[in-house]
């Protein structure tokens, strides 16, 4: 990966904006998966370790930090490879 893709993967929010501009369905899928990972949706995040990688969609992966005490998940890195899984 090179250029803007490398830049985007370090900025999850900007990556989501770019996904939303390019593919509404992918944006909805990734958003739904991220919501279900958070304990506010009932997921048992305390069964995870502190750092975990997850595939959110065929073309989107995330590096997540799980805080079992707060029962929250922070997205540290979001990697989107346009065209993968089409």
C-alpha atoms as a PDB file:
ATOM      1  CA  UNK A   1       0.000   0.000   0.000  1.00  0.00           C
ATOM      2  CA  UNK A   2       1.240   3.463  -0.717  1.00  0.00           C
ATOM      3  CA  UNK A   3       0.292   7.111  -0.897  1.00  0.00           C
ATOM      4  CA  UNK A   4      -3.056   8.117   0.517  1.00  0.00           C
ATOM      5  CA  UNK A   5      -3.947   4.595   1.653  1.00  0.00           C
ATOM      6  CA  UNK A   6      -1.063   4.559   4.120  1.00  0.00           C
ATOM      7  CA  UNK A   7      -2.048   8.032   5.324  1.00  0.00           C
ATOM      8  CA  UNK A   8      -5.677   7.010   5.779  1.00  0.00           C
ATOM      9  CA  UNK A   9      -5.056   3.843   7.728  1.00  0.00           C
ATOM     10  CA  UNK A  10      -3.610   5.879  10.595  1.00  0.00           C
ATOM     11  CA  UNK A  11      -6.717   8.077  10.749  1.00  0.00           C
ATOM     12  CA  UNK A  12      -9.834   5.939  11.260  1.00  0.00           C
ATOM     13  CA  UNK A  13     -12.341   8.794  11.137  1.00  0.00           C
ATOM     14  CA  UNK A  14     -10.964  10.087   7.848  1.00  0.00           C
ATOM     15  CA  UNK A  15     -10.979   6.551   6.458  1.00  0.00           C
ATOM     16  CA  UNK A  16     -14.671   6.253   7.318  1.00  0.00           C
ATOM     17  CA  UNK A  17     -15.361   9.540   5.521  1.00  0.00           C
ATOM     18  CA  UNK A  18     -13.572   8.253   2.420  1.00  0.00           C
ATOM     19  CA  UNK A  19     -15.483   4.958   2.568  1.00  0.00           C
ATOM     20  CA  UNK A  20     -18.783   6.840   2.873  1.00  0.00           C
ATOM     21  CA  UNK A  21     -17.959   8.906  -0.209  1.00  0.00           C
ATOM     22  CA  UNK A  22     -17.043   5.835  -2.236  1.00  0.00           C
ATOM     23  CA  UNK A  23     -19.467   3.132  -1.103  1.00  0.00           C
ATOM     24  CA  UNK A  24     -22.629   3.694   0.964  1.00  0.00           C
ATOM     25  CA  UNK A  25     -23.237  -0.014   1.530  1.00  0.00           C
ATOM     26  CA  UNK A  26     -19.696  -0.676   2.739  1.00  0.00           C
ATOM     27  CA  UNK A  27     -19.922   2.326   5.053  1.00  0.00           C
ATOM     28  CA  UNK A  28     -23.171   0.982   6.541  1.00  0.00           C
ATOM     29  CA  UNK A  29     -21.659  -2.486   6.997  1.00  0.00           C
ATOM     30  CA  UNK A  30     -18.503  -1.228   8.708  1.00  0.00           C
ATOM     31  CA  UNK A  31     -20.503   1.098  10.951  1.00  0.00           C
ATOM     32  CA  UNK A  32     -22.841  -1.724  11.962  1.00  0.00           C
ATOM     33  CA  UNK A  33     -19.948  -4.042  12.800  1.00  0.00           C
ATOM     34  CA  UNK A  34     -18.203  -1.373  14.880  1.00  0.00           C
ATOM     35  CA  UNK A  35     -21.409  -0.688  16.812  1.00  0.00           C
ATOM     36  CA  UNK A  36     -21.913  -4.369  17.627  1.00  0.00           C
ATOM     37  CA  UNK A  37     -18.337  -4.665  18.931  1.00  0.00           C
ATOM     38  CA  UNK A  38     -18.989  -2.065  21.631  1.00  0.00           C
ATOM     39  CA  UNK A  39     -20.405  -3.338  24.912  1.00  0.00           C
ATOM     40  CA  UNK A  40     -23.201  -0.787  24.739  1.00  0.00           C
ATOM     41  CA  UNK A  41     -24.655  -3.155  22.147  1.00  0.00           C
ATOM     42  CA  UNK A  42     -24.184  -6.133  24.493  1.00  0.00           C
ATOM     43  CA  UNK A  43     -20.884  -7.593  23.236  1.00  0.00           C
ATOM     44  CA  UNK A  44     -18.700  -9.179  25.896  1.00  0.00           C
ATOM     45  CA  UNK A  45     -15.589  -7.116  25.270  1.00  0.00           C
ATOM     46  CA  UNK A  46     -13.987  -8.276  28.515  1.00  0.00           C
ATOM     47  CA  UNK A  47     -13.430 -11.700  26.953  1.00  0.00           C
ATOM     48  CA  UNK A  48     -10.966 -10.089  24.533  1.00  0.00           C
ATOM     49  CA  UNK A  49      -7.389  -9.132  25.232  1.00  0.00           C
ATOM     50  CA  UNK A  50      -6.300  -5.522  25.213  1.00  0.00           C
ATOM     51  CA  UNK A  51      -5.281  -5.310  21.564  1.00  0.00           C
ATOM     52  CA  UNK A  52      -7.027  -7.136  18.748  1.00  0.00           C
ATOM     53  CA  UNK A  53      -7.289  -7.085  14.988  1.00  0.00           C
ATOM     54  CA  UNK A  54     -10.669  -7.559  13.366  1.00  0.00           C
ATOM     55  CA  UNK A  55     -11.970  -7.950   9.832  1.00  0.00           C
ATOM     56  CA  UNK A  56     -14.921  -5.598   9.517  1.00  0.00           C
ATOM     57  CA  UNK A  57     -15.648  -6.321   5.852  1.00  0.00           C
ATOM     58  CA  UNK A  58     -13.784  -8.092   3.019  1.00  0.00           C
ATOM     59  CA  UNK A  59     -11.861  -4.885   2.273  1.00  0.00           C
ATOM     60  CA  UNK A  60     -11.694  -3.309   5.750  1.00  0.00           C
ATOM     61  CA  UNK A  61      -9.674  -4.369   8.774  1.00  0.00           C
ATOM     62  CA  UNK A  62      -9.185  -2.637  12.107  1.00  0.00           C
ATOM     63  CA  UNK A  63      -6.737  -2.662  14.965  1.00  0.00           C
ATOM     64  CA  UNK A  64      -8.717  -2.241  18.153  1.00  0.00           C
ATOM     65  CA  UNK A  65      -7.838  -1.434  21.753  1.00  0.00           C
ATOM     66  CA  UNK A  66     -10.229  -3.000  24.219  1.00  0.00           C
ATOM     67  CA  UNK A  67     -10.632  -1.451  27.654  1.00  0.00           C
ATOM     68  CA  UNK A  68     -12.401  -4.132  29.710  1.00  0.00           C
ATOM     69  CA  UNK A  69     -12.758  -1.827  32.726  1.00  0.00           C
ATOM     70  CA  UNK A  70     -14.649   0.787  30.751  1.00  0.00           C
ATOM     71  CA  UNK A  71     -16.104  -1.895  28.446  1.00  0.00           C
ATOM     72  CA  UNK A  72     -15.291   0.163  25.373  1.00  0.00           C
ATOM     73  CA  UNK A  73     -13.348  -0.307  22.158  1.00  0.00           C
ATOM     74  CA  UNK A  74     -11.145   2.296  20.506  1.00  0.00           C
ATOM     75  CA  UNK A  75     -10.252   1.978  16.833  1.00  0.00           C
ATOM     76  CA  UNK A  76      -6.519   2.624  16.569  1.00  0.00           C
ATOM     77  CA  UNK A  77      -6.120   1.911  12.878  1.00  0.00           C
ATOM     78  CA  UNK A  78      -8.545   1.285  10.042  1.00  0.00           C
ATOM     79  CA  UNK A  79      -7.223  -0.159   6.800  1.00  0.00           C
ATOM     80  CA  UNK A  80      -9.403  -0.010   3.686  1.00  0.00           C
ATOM     81  CA  UNK A  81      -8.282  -1.440   0.380  1.00  0.00           C
ATOM     82  CA  UNK A  82     -10.593  -0.077  -2.333  1.00  0.00           C
ATOM     83  CA  UNK A  83     -11.581  -2.642  -4.925  1.00  0.00           C
ATOM     84  CA  UNK A  84     -10.989  -5.660  -2.693  1.00  0.00           C
ATOM     85  CA  UNK A  85     -14.054  -7.843  -2.353  1.00  0.00           C
ATOM     86  CA  UNK A  86     -15.917  -6.237  -5.263  1.00  0.00           C
END
